[in-house]
Amino acid sequence: MSEKRNENEKSGIISYLIRLVVTAVVLSITAFLTPGFTISGMWPLLLAALIITALDYIVEKVMKIDASPFGKGVKGFLIAALILYLTQFVVPTMNISIIGALIAAVVIGIIDAIIPGRVM
């Protein structure tokens, strides 16, 4: 039973690492495509992806809400936009307006439908 638990923990960690990498790729694409959203440099991009992944995890565990842009309709969309907006206060070279966060949540939702793996 202990071995099965260790395997589940490892697969969970690997799942979140994959989510982190996919989030970083999607963030770079989104920042390029979205007016009102900029992020400069690889390290800030990875930091933003880490923060977004962590906030998404917390929202899932505490509120039992899927924070993906199309996860729970309007609620998931607004939470995704809020997570993007709040991340800018921690990442030094990330700037995003409220409108930019809303547009970015739509772009992330569209990219999430194309790229395999869960983004937010």
Protein backbone atom coordinates (compact mmCIF):
# COMPACT_ATOMS: atom_id res chain seq x y z
CA MET A 1 0.00 0.00 0.00
CA SER A 2 2.90 2.32 0.78
CA GLU A 3 4.37 1.71 -2.68
CA LYS A 4 1.10 2.67 -4.35
CA ARG A 5 0.96 5.88 -2.32
CA ASN A 6 4.52 6.77 -3.34
CA GLU A 7 3.66 6.15 -7.00
CA ASN A 8 0.59 8.40 -6.71
CA GLU A 9 2.67 11.14 -5.06
CA LYS A 10 5.32 10.90 -7.79
CA SER A 11 2.75 11.05 -10.55
CA GLY A 12 1.13 14.05 -8.84
CA ILE A 13 4.46 15.87 -8.65
CA ILE A 14 5.25 15.04 -12.28
CA SER A 15 1.78 16.25 -13.25
CA TYR A 16 2.40 19.62 -11.59
CA LEU A 17 5.87 19.93 -13.16
CA ILE A 18 4.36 19.32 -16.58
CA ARG A 19 1.65 21.85 -15.75
CA LEU A 20 4.37 24.36 -14.80
CA VAL A 21 6.21 23.94 -18.12
CA VAL A 22 2.99 24.12 -20.14
CA THR A 23 1.94 27.23 -18.19
CA ALA A 24 5.28 28.92 -18.97
CA VAL A 25 4.92 28.18 -22.69
CA VAL A 26 1.30 29.34 -22.75
CA LEU A 27 2.17 32.51 -20.80
CA SER A 28 4.85 33.44 -23.32
CA ILE A 29 2.43 32.89 -26.22
CA THR A 30 -0.33 34.79 -24.39
CA ALA A 31 1.92 37.74 -23.54
CA PHE A 32 2.89 37.95 -27.21
CA LEU A 33 -0.72 37.86 -28.44
CA THR A 34 -2.46 39.90 -25.75
CA PRO A 35 -2.57 43.70 -25.65
CA GLY A 36 -2.07 45.02 -22.12
CA PHE A 37 0.05 42.03 -21.05
CA THR A 38 3.85 42.00 -21.03
CA ILE A 39 6.43 39.85 -19.33
CA SER A 40 10.16 40.18 -19.97
CA GLY A 41 12.77 37.50 -19.51
CA MET A 42 12.89 33.77 -18.97
CA TRP A 43 13.22 33.82 -15.15
CA PRO A 44 10.24 36.12 -14.61
CA LEU A 45 8.27 33.91 -17.00
CA LEU A 46 9.15 30.80 -14.98
CA LEU A 47 8.41 32.63 -11.71
CA ALA A 48 5.01 33.73 -13.06
CA ALA A 49 4.28 30.16 -14.17
CA LEU A 50 5.24 28.88 -10.72
CA ILE A 51 3.03 31.43 -8.96
CA ILE A 52 0.09 30.79 -11.30
CA THR A 53 0.43 27.03 -10.83
CA ALA A 54 0.59 27.45 -7.04
CA LEU A 55 -2.43 29.79 -6.93
CA ASP A 56 -4.37 27.43 -9.17
CA TYR A 57 -3.54 24.53 -6.86
CA ILE A 58 -4.64 26.53 -3.79
CA VAL A 59 -7.91 27.57 -5.45
CA GLU A 60 -8.61 23.96 -6.42
CA LYS A 61 -7.92 22.60 -2.93
CA VAL A 62 -9.55 25.33 -0.85
CA MET A 63 -12.51 26.38 -2.97
CA LYS A 64 -13.01 23.14 -4.94
CA ILE A 65 -13.20 25.26 -8.13
CA ASP A 66 -11.39 24.51 -11.36
CA ALA A 67 -9.59 27.77 -12.08
CA SER A 68 -9.15 27.13 -15.78
CA PRO A 69 -10.67 29.80 -18.01
CA PHE A 70 -13.35 27.40 -19.25
CA GLY A 71 -13.30 25.09 -16.21
CA LYS A 72 -16.42 26.29 -14.44
CA GLY A 73 -17.90 28.80 -16.83
CA VAL A 74 -17.83 32.42 -15.80
CA LYS A 75 -16.50 31.59 -12.32
CA GLY A 76 -13.45 29.74 -13.66
CA PHE A 77 -12.85 32.44 -16.27
CA LEU A 78 -12.93 35.25 -13.70
CA ILE A 79 -10.72 33.34 -11.25
CA ALA A 80 -8.19 32.70 -14.04
CA ALA A 81 -8.17 36.42 -14.91
CA LEU A 82 -7.79 37.34 -11.23
CA ILE A 83 -4.87 34.92 -10.80
CA LEU A 84 -3.15 36.49 -13.82
CA TYR A 85 -3.78 40.00 -12.53
CA LEU A 86 -2.51 39.25 -9.01
CA THR A 87 0.63 37.53 -10.29
CA GLN A 88 1.95 40.84 -11.64
CA PHE A 89 2.40 42.12 -8.08
CA VAL A 90 4.96 39.38 -7.36
CA VAL A 91 6.77 39.10 -10.70
CA PRO A 92 8.97 42.17 -11.31
CA THR A 93 8.79 42.45 -15.12
CA MET A 94 5.18 41.37 -15.55
CA ASN A 95 2.58 44.03 -16.32
CA ILE A 96 -1.05 43.29 -17.03
CA SER A 97 -4.10 45.52 -17.05
CA ILE A 98 -7.52 44.33 -15.95
CA ILE A 99 -8.66 44.21 -19.58
CA GLY A 100 -5.40 42.47 -20.47
CA ALA A 101 -6.07 39.83 -17.79
CA LEU A 102 -9.57 39.21 -19.17
CA ILE A 103 -8.27 38.94 -22.74
CA ALA A 104 -5.37 36.74 -21.56
CA ALA A 105 -7.83 34.40 -19.81
CA VAL A 106 -9.67 33.98 -23.13
CA VAL A 107 -6.39 33.42 -25.01
CA ILE A 108 -5.25 30.89 -22.39
CA GLY A 109 -8.57 29.08 -22.68
CA ILE A 110 -8.19 28.85 -26.45
CA ILE A 111 -4.55 27.73 -26.24
CA ASP A 112 -5.50 25.25 -23.50
CA ALA A 113 -7.95 23.68 -25.94
CA ILE A 114 -5.15 23.28 -28.53
CA ILE A 115 -2.10 22.32 -26.40
CA PRO A 116 -2.41 19.05 -24.50
CA GLY A 117 -2.00 19.35 -20.75
CA ARG A 118 -3.77 21.52 -18.25
CA VAL A 119 -2.64 25.14 -18.24
CA MET A 120 -4.39 26.79 -15.33
